[in-house]
C-alpha atoms as a PDB file:
ATOM      1  CA  MET A   1     -34.213 -47.823   2.290  1.00  0.00           C
ATOM      2  CA  GLN A   2     -30.518 -46.974   2.294  1.00  0.00           C
ATOM      3  CA  PRO A   3     -28.979 -45.851   5.599  1.00  0.00           C
ATOM      4  CA  PHE A   4     -28.100 -42.178   5.975  1.00  0.00           C
ATOM      5  CA  ASN A   5     -24.454 -41.569   5.026  1.00  0.00           C
ATOM      6  CA  PRO A   6     -23.262 -38.139   6.264  1.00  0.00           C
ATOM      7  CA  TRP A   7     -19.874 -38.442   4.577  1.00  0.00           C
ATOM      8  CA  GLY A   8     -21.438 -39.325   1.234  1.00  0.00           C
ATOM      9  CA  ARG A   9     -23.864 -36.400   1.504  1.00  0.00           C
ATOM     10  CA  LEU A  10     -20.991 -34.059   2.330  1.00  0.00           C
ATOM     11  CA  GLN A  11     -19.031 -35.274  -0.688  1.00  0.00           C
ATOM     12  CA  SER A  12     -22.071 -34.726  -2.902  1.00  0.00           C
ATOM     13  CA  PHE A  13     -22.516 -31.208  -1.552  1.00  0.00           C
ATOM     14  CA  VAL A  14     -18.840 -30.366  -2.083  1.00  0.00           C
ATOM     15  CA  TYR A  15     -19.074 -31.662  -5.657  1.00  0.00           C
ATOM     16  CA  PHE A  16     -22.201 -29.557  -6.279  1.00  0.00           C
ATOM     17  CA  LEU A  17     -20.581 -26.479  -4.729  1.00  0.00           C
ATOM     18  CA  ASN A  18     -17.456 -26.900  -6.836  1.00  0.00           C
ATOM     19  CA  ARG A  19     -19.491 -27.199 -10.035  1.00  0.00           C
ATOM     20  CA  TRP A  20     -21.644 -24.227  -9.058  1.00  0.00           C
ATOM     21  CA  LEU A  21     -18.608 -22.040  -8.384  1.00  0.00           C
ATOM     22  CA  GLN A  22     -17.066 -23.015 -11.726  1.00  0.00           C
ATOM     23  CA  ARG A  23     -20.219 -21.946 -13.548  1.00  0.00           C
ATOM     24  CA  ASN A  24     -20.879 -18.759 -11.575  1.00  0.00           C
ATOM     25  CA  TRP A  25     -17.425 -17.416 -10.756  1.00  0.00           C
ATOM     26  CA  GLN A  26     -17.806 -14.286 -12.881  1.00  0.00           C
ATOM     27  CA  PRO A  27     -20.984 -12.997 -11.147  1.00  0.00           C
ATOM     28  CA  LEU A  28     -19.426 -13.831  -7.780  1.00  0.00           C
ATOM     29  CA  LEU A  29     -16.221 -12.027  -8.705  1.00  0.00           C
ATOM     30  CA  PHE A  30     -18.234  -8.991  -9.759  1.00  0.00           C
ATOM     31  CA  LEU A  31     -20.238  -9.095  -6.526  1.00  0.00           C
ATOM     32  CA  PHE A  32     -17.364  -9.443  -4.063  1.00  0.00           C
ATOM     33  CA  GLY A  33     -14.586  -7.877  -6.139  1.00  0.00           C
ATOM     34  CA  THR A  34     -16.365  -4.843  -7.561  1.00  0.00           C
ATOM     35  CA  TYR A  35     -19.818  -4.214  -6.097  1.00  0.00           C
ATOM     36  CA  VAL A  36     -18.980  -4.727  -2.402  1.00  0.00           C
ATOM     37  CA  PRO A  37     -15.795  -2.576  -2.489  1.00  0.00           C
ATOM     38  CA  LEU A  38     -17.673   0.167  -4.355  1.00  0.00           C
ATOM     39  CA  ALA A  39     -20.478   0.012  -1.789  1.00  0.00           C
ATOM     40  CA  ILE A  40     -17.977   0.428   1.062  1.00  0.00           C
ATOM     41  CA  PHE A  41     -16.375   3.366  -0.739  1.00  0.00           C
ATOM     42  CA  ALA A  42     -19.784   4.964  -1.331  1.00  0.00           C
ATOM     43  CA  ILE A  43     -20.735   4.631   2.348  1.00  0.00           C
ATOM     44  CA  LEU A  44     -17.485   6.283   3.432  1.00  0.00           C
ATOM     45  CA  ALA A  45     -17.855   9.021   0.818  1.00  0.00           C
ATOM     46  CA  MET A  46     -21.399   9.852   1.952  1.00  0.00           C
ATOM     47  CA  GLN A  47     -20.349  10.016   5.606  1.00  0.00           C
ATOM     48  CA  ILE A  48     -17.431  12.291   4.787  1.00  0.00           C
ATOM     49  CA  TRP A  49     -19.603  14.489   2.585  1.00  0.00           C
ATOM     50  CA  GLN A  50     -22.036  14.967   5.461  1.00  0.00           C
ATOM     51  CA  LEU A  51     -19.537  15.339   8.320  1.00  0.00           C
ATOM     52  CA  GLU A  52     -16.707  17.015   6.356  1.00  0.00           C
ATOM     53  CA  GLY A  53     -14.156  16.325   9.113  1.00  0.00           C
ATOM     54  CA  GLY A  54     -12.717  13.104  10.453  1.00  0.00           C
ATOM     55  CA  LEU A  55     -15.019  10.316  11.563  1.00  0.00           C
ATOM     56  CA  GLY A  56     -14.984   9.238  15.193  1.00  0.00           C
ATOM     57  CA  TRP A  57     -12.944   6.116  14.573  1.00  0.00           C
ATOM     58  CA  ASP A  58     -10.595   8.065  12.305  1.00  0.00           C
ATOM     59  CA  VAL A  59      -9.266  10.220  15.122  1.00  0.00           C
ATOM     60  CA  ALA A  60      -9.094   7.361  17.636  1.00  0.00           C
ATOM     61  CA  ILE A  61      -6.954   5.209  15.319  1.00  0.00           C
ATOM     62  CA  MET A  62      -4.663   8.092  14.412  1.00  0.00           C
ATOM     63  CA  GLN A  63      -4.090   8.977  18.054  1.00  0.00           C
ATOM     64  CA  ALA A  64      -3.302   5.343  18.891  1.00  0.00           C
ATOM     65  CA  ILE A  65      -0.736   5.174  16.076  1.00  0.00           C
ATOM     66  CA  HIS A  66       0.758   8.545  16.990  1.00  0.00           C
ATOM     67  CA  ALA A  67       1.257   7.344  20.568  1.00  0.00           C
ATOM     68  CA  THR A  68       3.951   4.976  19.242  1.00  0.00           C
ATOM     69  CA  ALA A  69       5.941   7.797  17.628  1.00  0.00           C
ATOM     70  CA  ASN A  70       9.709   7.902  18.095  1.00  0.00           C
ATOM     71  CA  PRO A  71      12.652   9.268  16.052  1.00  0.00           C
ATOM     72  CA  ILE A  72      13.472   5.900  14.455  1.00  0.00           C
ATOM     73  CA  LEU A  73       9.908   5.308  13.274  1.00  0.00           C
ATOM     74  CA  ASP A  74       9.786   8.900  12.056  1.00  0.00           C
ATOM     75  CA  ARG A  75      12.683   8.260   9.676  1.00  0.00           C
ATOM     76  CA  ILE A  76      11.344   4.866   8.580  1.00  0.00           C
ATOM     77  CA  ALA A  77       7.866   6.209   7.824  1.00  0.00           C
ATOM     78  CA  ALA A  78       9.175   9.271   5.969  1.00  0.00           C
ATOM     79  CA  ALA A  79      11.430   7.124   3.767  1.00  0.00           C
ATOM     80  CA  TRP A  80       9.107   4.168   3.178  1.00  0.00           C
ATOM     81  CA  THR A  81       5.991   6.175   2.343  1.00  0.00           C
ATOM     82  CA  ASN A  82       7.476   7.295  -0.999  1.00  0.00           C
ATOM     83  CA  VAL A  83       7.911   3.659  -2.064  1.00  0.00           C
ATOM     84  CA  GLY A  84       4.123   3.598  -2.382  1.00  0.00           C
ATOM     85  CA  THR A  85       4.300   5.977  -5.335  1.00  0.00           C
ATOM     86  CA  LYS A  86       7.197   7.765  -7.025  1.00  0.00           C
ATOM     87  CA  SER A  87      10.104   5.799  -5.537  1.00  0.00           C
ATOM     88  CA  GLY A  88       8.675   2.296  -5.856  1.00  0.00           C
ATOM     89  CA  VAL A  89       5.295   1.579  -7.412  1.00  0.00           C
ATOM     90  CA  PHE A  90       5.616   3.953 -10.361  1.00  0.00           C
ATOM     91  CA  PRO A  91       9.070   2.855 -11.616  1.00  0.00           C
ATOM     92  CA  ALA A  92       8.224  -0.806 -10.950  1.00  0.00           C
ATOM     93  CA  SER A  93       5.013  -0.417 -12.961  1.00  0.00           C
ATOM     94  CA  VAL A  94       6.942   1.040 -15.893  1.00  0.00           C
ATOM     95  CA  LEU A  95       9.507  -1.764 -15.817  1.00  0.00           C
ATOM     96  CA  ILE A  96       6.822  -4.459 -15.656  1.00  0.00           C
ATOM     97  CA  GLY A  97       4.966  -2.824 -18.545  1.00  0.00           C
ATOM     98  CA  ILE A  98       8.161  -2.785 -20.612  1.00  0.00           C
ATOM     99  CA  GLY A  99       8.647  -6.449 -19.742  1.00  0.00           C
ATOM    100  CA  PHE A 100       5.178  -7.304 -21.050  1.00  0.00           C
ATOM    101  CA  LEU A 101       5.895  -5.312 -24.212  1.00  0.00           C
ATOM    102  CA  TYR A 102       9.217  -7.073 -24.786  1.00  0.00           C
ATOM    103  CA  ALA A 103       7.639 -10.500 -24.190  1.00  0.00           C
ATOM    104  CA  ARG A 104       4.649  -9.611 -26.419  1.00  0.00           C
ATOM    105  CA  ARG A 105       2.179 -10.360 -23.660  1.00  0.00           C
ATOM    106  CA  TRP A 106      -0.472  -8.188 -25.255  1.00  0.00           C
ATOM    107  CA  ARG A 107      -3.381  -9.058 -22.978  1.00  0.00           C
ATOM    108  CA  PHE A 108      -1.244  -8.553 -19.890  1.00  0.00           C
ATOM    109  CA  LEU A 109       0.029  -5.242 -21.244  1.00  0.00           C
ATOM    110  CA  THR A 110      -3.474  -4.040 -22.119  1.00  0.00           C
ATOM    111  CA  TYR A 111      -4.718  -4.862 -18.638  1.00  0.00           C
ATOM    112  CA  TRP A 112      -1.666  -3.236 -17.036  1.00  0.00           C
ATOM    113  CA  LEU A 113      -2.034  -0.016 -19.052  1.00  0.00           C
ATOM    114  CA  ILE A 114      -5.695   0.328 -18.102  1.00  0.00           C
ATOM    115  CA  ALA A 115      -5.614  -0.830 -14.482  1.00  0.00           C
ATOM    116  CA  LEU A 116      -2.732   1.221 -13.081  1.00  0.00           C
ATOM    117  CA  PRO A 117      -3.108   4.600 -14.828  1.00  0.00           C
ATOM    118  CA  GLY A 118      -6.839   4.260 -14.210  1.00  0.00           C
ATOM    119  CA  CYS A 119      -6.242   4.175 -10.454  1.00  0.00           C
ATOM    120  CA  VAL A 120      -4.307   7.447 -10.668  1.00  0.00           C
ATOM    121  CA  LEU A 121      -6.992   9.158 -12.749  1.00  0.00           C
ATOM    122  CA  ILE A 122      -9.835   7.953 -10.521  1.00  0.00           C
ATOM    123  CA  ASN A 123      -7.962   9.167  -7.447  1.00  0.00           C
ATOM    124  CA  ARG A 124      -7.562  12.659  -8.900  1.00  0.00           C
ATOM    125  CA  VAL A 125     -11.233  12.900  -9.820  1.00  0.00           C
ATOM    126  CA  ALA A 126     -12.412  11.601  -6.430  1.00  0.00           C
ATOM    127  CA  LYS A 127     -10.221  14.063  -4.531  1.00  0.00           C
ATOM    128  CA  LEU A 128     -11.517  17.011  -6.533  1.00  0.00           C
ATOM    129  CA  TRP A 129     -15.085  15.796  -6.148  1.00  0.00           C
ATOM    130  CA  LEU A 130     -15.031  15.322  -2.362  1.00  0.00           C
ATOM    131  CA  HIS A 131     -12.301  17.932  -1.548  1.00  0.00           C
ATOM    132  CA  ARG A 132     -11.685  16.621   1.949  1.00  0.00           C
ATOM    133  CA  VAL A 133      -9.100  18.650   3.864  1.00  0.00           C
ATOM    134  CA  ARG A 134      -6.163  16.696   5.255  1.00  0.00           C
ATOM    135  CA  PRO A 135      -5.930  16.064   9.008  1.00  0.00           C
ATOM    136  CA  SER A 136      -4.009  18.558  11.138  1.00  0.00           C
ATOM    137  CA  LEU A 137      -3.727  16.765  14.469  1.00  0.00           C
ATOM    138  CA  TRP A 138       0.035  17.369  14.791  1.00  0.00           C
ATOM    139  CA  ASP A 139       2.918  19.065  13.042  1.00  0.00           C
ATOM    140  CA  TYR A 140       3.974  17.725   9.658  1.00  0.00           C
ATOM    141  CA  PRO A 141       4.943  19.545   6.451  1.00  0.00           C
ATOM    142  CA  PRO A 142       1.659  20.471   4.731  1.00  0.00           C
ATOM    143  CA  VAL A 143       0.543  18.482   1.688  1.00  0.00           C
ATOM    144  CA  PRO A 144      -1.227  20.630  -0.937  1.00  0.00           C
ATOM    145  CA  GLU A 145      -3.611  17.978  -2.297  1.00  0.00           C
ATOM    146  CA  PHE A 146      -6.937  16.874  -0.847  1.00  0.00           C
ATOM    147  CA  SER A 147      -7.136  13.846   1.418  1.00  0.00           C
ATOM    148  CA  PHE A 148      -9.898  11.467   0.276  1.00  0.00           C
ATOM    149  CA  PRO A 149      -9.144   8.869  -1.002  1.00  0.00           C
ATOM    150  CA  SER A 150      -5.451   8.289  -0.324  1.00  0.00           C
ATOM    151  CA  GLY A 151      -3.345   8.316  -3.479  1.00  0.00           C
ATOM    152  CA  HIS A 152      -0.630   6.206  -1.864  1.00  0.00           C
ATOM    153  CA  ALA A 153      -3.205   3.628  -0.756  1.00  0.00           C
ATOM    154  CA  MET A 154      -4.743   3.488  -4.226  1.00  0.00           C
ATOM    155  CA  ALA A 155      -1.404   3.236  -6.018  1.00  0.00           C
ATOM    156  CA  SER A 156      -0.035   0.476  -3.790  1.00  0.00           C
ATOM    157  CA  MET A 157      -3.277  -1.521  -3.750  1.00  0.00           C
ATOM    158  CA  GLY A 158      -3.826  -1.089  -7.491  1.00  0.00           C
ATOM    159  CA  PHE A 159      -0.294  -2.328  -8.159  1.00  0.00           C
ATOM    160  CA  VAL A 160      -0.664  -5.390  -5.924  1.00  0.00           C
ATOM    161  CA  ALA A 161      -4.226  -6.188  -7.056  1.00  0.00           C
ATOM    162  CA  ALA A 162      -3.145  -6.118 -10.704  1.00  0.00           C
ATOM    163  CA  LEU A 163      -0.215  -8.415  -9.931  1.00  0.00           C
ATOM    164  CA  ILE A 164      -2.556 -10.823  -8.136  1.00  0.00           C
ATOM    165  CA  VAL A 165      -4.792 -10.945 -11.211  1.00  0.00           C
ATOM    166  CA  LEU A 166      -1.889 -11.610 -13.574  1.00  0.00           C
ATOM    167  CA  THR A 167      -0.263 -14.267 -11.369  1.00  0.00           C
ATOM    168  CA  TRP A 168      -3.519 -16.007 -10.453  1.00  0.00           C
ATOM    169  CA  ASN A 169      -2.731 -19.193 -12.395  1.00  0.00           C
ATOM    170  CA  THR A 170       0.905 -19.380 -11.325  1.00  0.00           C
ATOM    171  CA  SER A 171       2.825 -20.578  -8.289  1.00  0.00           C
ATOM    172  CA  TRP A 172       3.729 -16.945  -7.568  1.00  0.00           C
ATOM    173  CA  ARG A 173       0.174 -16.181  -6.501  1.00  0.00           C
ATOM    174  CA  ILE A 174       0.589 -16.975  -2.793  1.00  0.00           C
ATOM    175  CA  TRP A 175       3.769 -14.886  -2.581  1.00  0.00           C
ATOM    176  CA  VAL A 176       2.101 -11.933  -4.254  1.00  0.00           C
ATOM    177  CA  TRP A 177      -0.759 -12.238  -1.767  1.00  0.00           C
ATOM    178  CA  LEU A 178       1.535 -12.372   1.264  1.00  0.00           C
ATOM    179  CA  LEU A 179       4.247  -9.907   0.277  1.00  0.00           C
ATOM    180  CA  GLY A 180       1.852  -7.610  -1.551  1.00  0.00           C
ATOM    181  CA  GLY A 181      -0.563  -7.554   1.364  1.00  0.00           C
ATOM    182  CA  GLY A 182       2.230  -6.646   3.758  1.00  0.00           C
ATOM    183  CA  PHE A 183       3.429  -3.925   1.397  1.00  0.00           C
ATOM    184  CA  VAL A 184      -0.036  -2.376   1.062  1.00  0.00           C
ATOM    185  CA  VAL A 185      -0.602  -2.357   4.827  1.00  0.00           C
ATOM    186  CA  SER A 186       2.841  -0.876   5.488  1.00  0.00           C
ATOM    187  CA  ILE A 187       2.234   1.995   3.061  1.00  0.00           C
ATOM    188  CA  GLY A 188      -1.124   2.670   4.692  1.00  0.00           C
ATOM    189  CA  TRP A 189       0.558   2.705   8.097  1.00  0.00           C
ATOM    190  CA  THR A 190       3.096   5.322   6.976  1.00  0.00           C
ATOM    191  CA  ARG A 191       0.323   7.665   5.829  1.00  0.00           C
ATOM    192  CA  LEU A 192      -1.426   7.368   9.191  1.00  0.00           C
ATOM    193  CA  TYR A 193       1.788   7.599  11.196  1.00  0.00           C
ATOM    194  CA  LEU A 194       2.807  10.792   9.388  1.00  0.00           C
ATOM    195  CA  GLY A 195      -0.658  12.214   9.988  1.00  0.00           C
ATOM    196  CA  VAL A 196      -1.350  13.096   6.354  1.00  0.00           C
ATOM    197  CA  HIS A 197      -4.404  10.854   5.974  1.00  0.00           C
ATOM    198  CA  TYR A 198      -7.373   9.633   7.959  1.00  0.00           C
ATOM    199  CA  PRO A 199      -7.908   5.854   8.196  1.00  0.00           C
ATOM    200  CA  SER A 200     -11.080   6.260   6.126  1.00  0.00           C
ATOM    201  CA  ASP A 201      -8.921   7.757   3.345  1.00  0.00           C
ATOM    202  CA  ILE A 202      -6.799   4.609   3.352  1.00  0.00           C
ATOM    203  CA  VAL A 203      -9.728   2.172   3.391  1.00  0.00           C
ATOM    204  CA  ALA A 204     -11.514   4.100   0.646  1.00  0.00           C
ATOM    205  CA  GLY A 205      -8.383   4.036  -1.517  1.00  0.00           C
ATOM    206  CA  TRP A 206      -8.022   0.297  -1.063  1.00  0.00           C
ATOM    207  CA  MET A 207     -11.670  -0.376  -1.921  1.00  0.00           C
ATOM    208  CA  LEU A 208     -11.624   1.819  -5.009  1.00  0.00           C
ATOM    209  CA  SER A 209      -8.468   0.176  -6.362  1.00  0.00           C
ATOM    210  CA  ILE A 210      -9.796  -3.344  -5.765  1.00  0.00           C
ATOM    211  CA  ALA A 211     -13.056  -2.508  -7.532  1.00  0.00           C
ATOM    212  CA  TRP A 212     -11.214  -0.993 -10.492  1.00  0.00           C
ATOM    213  CA  ALA A 213      -8.648  -3.797 -10.827  1.00  0.00           C
ATOM    214  CA  VAL A 214     -11.330  -6.495 -10.713  1.00  0.00           C
ATOM    215  CA  GLY A 215     -13.699  -4.584 -12.995  1.00  0.00           C
ATOM    216  CA  VAL A 216     -11.000  -4.109 -15.631  1.00  0.00           C
ATOM    217  CA  CYS A 217     -10.104  -7.798 -15.298  1.00  0.00           C
ATOM    218  CA  LEU A 218     -13.691  -8.815 -16.073  1.00  0.00           C
ATOM    219  CA  ILE A 219     -13.659  -6.648 -19.204  1.00  0.00           C
ATOM    220  CA  VAL A 220     -10.140  -7.196 -20.569  1.00  0.00           C
ATOM    221  CA  LYS A 221      -9.954 -10.849 -19.453  1.00  0.00           C
ATOM    222  CA  PRO A 222      -6.136 -11.058 -19.330  1.00  0.00           C
ATOM    223  CA  LEU A 223      -6.261 -14.753 -18.368  1.00  0.00           C
ATOM    224  CA  SER A 224      -9.120 -15.754 -20.666  1.00  0.00           C
ATOM    225  CA  LEU A 225      -9.342 -18.807 -22.919  1.00  0.00           C
ATOM    226  CA  THR A 226     -10.757 -18.992 -26.399  1.00  0.00           C
ATOM    227  CA  THR A 227     -12.806 -21.926 -27.581  1.00  0.00           C
ATOM    228  CA  ILE A 228     -12.649 -23.485 -31.043  1.00  0.00           C
ATOM    229  CA  SER A 229     -15.204 -26.233 -31.661  1.00  0.00           C
ATOM    230  CA  GLY A 230     -15.569 -26.697 -27.921  1.00  0.00           C
ATOM    231  CA  SER A 231     -11.844 -27.138 -27.221  1.00  0.00           C
ATOM    232  CA  PRO A 232     -10.311 -24.551 -24.883  1.00  0.00           C
ATOM    233  CA  LEU A 233      -7.097 -23.102 -26.228  1.00  0.00           C
ATOM    234  CA  ALA A 234      -5.010 -20.574 -24.360  1.00  0.00           C
ATOM    235  CA  LEU A 235      -4.614 -17.339 -26.266  1.00  0.00           C
ATOM    236  CA  SER A 236      -1.001 -16.880 -27.251  1.00  0.00           C
ATOM    237  CA  ASP A 237       0.691 -13.594 -26.388  1.00  0.00           C
ATOM    238  CA  GLN A 238       3.981 -14.744 -27.892  1.00  0.00           C
ATOM    239  CA  GLY A 239       5.334 -13.919 -31.327  1.00  0.00           C
ATOM    240  CA  GLY A 240       4.875 -16.188 -34.301  1.00  0.00           C
ATOM    241  CA  ARG A 241       1.917 -18.473 -34.901  1.00  0.00           C
ATOM    242  CA  SER A 242      -0.131 -19.253 -31.813  1.00  0.00           C
ATOM    243  CA  GLN A 243      -1.425 -22.685 -30.984  1.00  0.00           C
ATOM    244  CA  ALA A 244      -4.925 -21.459 -31.782  1.00  0.00           C
ATOM    245  CA  SER A 245      -3.860 -20.417 -35.278  1.00  0.00           C
ATOM    246  CA  GLN A 246      -2.212 -23.780 -35.845  1.00  0.00           C
ATOM    247  CA  ASN A 247      -5.400 -25.616 -34.894  1.00  0.00           C
ATOM    248  CA  ILE A 248      -7.451 -23.437 -37.228  1.00  0.00           C
ATOM    249  CA  SER A 249      -5.018 -24.225 -40.036  1.00  0.00           C
ATOM    250  CA  GLN A 250      -5.271 -27.940 -39.346  1.00  0.00           C
ATOM    251  CA  ARG A 251      -9.067 -27.830 -39.431  1.00  0.00           C
ATOM    252  CA  LYS A 252      -9.042 -26.023 -42.765  1.00  0.00           C
ATOM    253  CA  SER A 253      -6.374 -28.245 -44.298  1.00  0.00           C
ATOM    254  CA  GLY A 254      -7.346 -30.529 -47.143  1.00  0.00           C
ATOM    255  CA  VAL A 255      -6.225 -34.089 -47.842  1.00  0.00           C
ATOM    256  CA  GLY A 256      -2.454 -34.359 -47.829  1.00  0.00           C
ATOM    257  CA  GLY A 257      -2.141 -31.501 -45.364  1.00  0.00           C
ATOM    258  CA  LYS A 258      -2.427 -28.629 -47.888  1.00  0.00           C
ATOM    259  CA  SER A 259      -3.769 -25.615 -46.048  1.00  0.00           C
ATOM    260  CA  ASP A 260      -6.330 -23.234 -47.552  1.00  0.00           C
ATOM    261  CA  LEU A 261      -4.949 -20.390 -45.477  1.00  0.00           C
END
């Protein structure tokens, strides 16, 4: 009987876990990237539908943030909040889309054109459906639209989540996580500081954008591989003949290299 080897057992378990994750990453991504965020959004939406006003923790968080108010932060919040939509995210999204078009990154462009405009459309529909009135805890110029979910939160999170998807296999991924996460949180803070959203509006916007970005990723598959006779070949988004097309030509070539294509 062989002696018990904890380190060997641990290595075996890690190997099994790695193989299992490789085979089941899509269901796991759907579970934690789409289903769980949608469930959180649904819970918040049901509570708001029943209570109509702010939740208990909504008001407490807003009051804590408002206690830090001062003229300098007032100017910073008023200026920075627009970067989450018309002054930052929207023009940056257009420029990135044009870049994908110029580079002929068709899968990236398709994903981009569905993910980001989709966030805007979903936000409009959700606001009209739940018609939650904006908070009025202190003076601030009134905003005509409904409150739930936050459009700024959805736009900023949708933008960053889509970038994370498209940079997943690159060295830029960690920077997008760090800088993008800070950007999303800062935009959420401005909406709370200015008193135009409840915290639940912000969280709901984040969850809805994550669910949409991941769901579209699972359908469009912007980073997918195609397989020819069992060999994975990256789909080419560049002009000219792709590597996949070249391999198909080689397989159909006759003796002497004459292609039937």
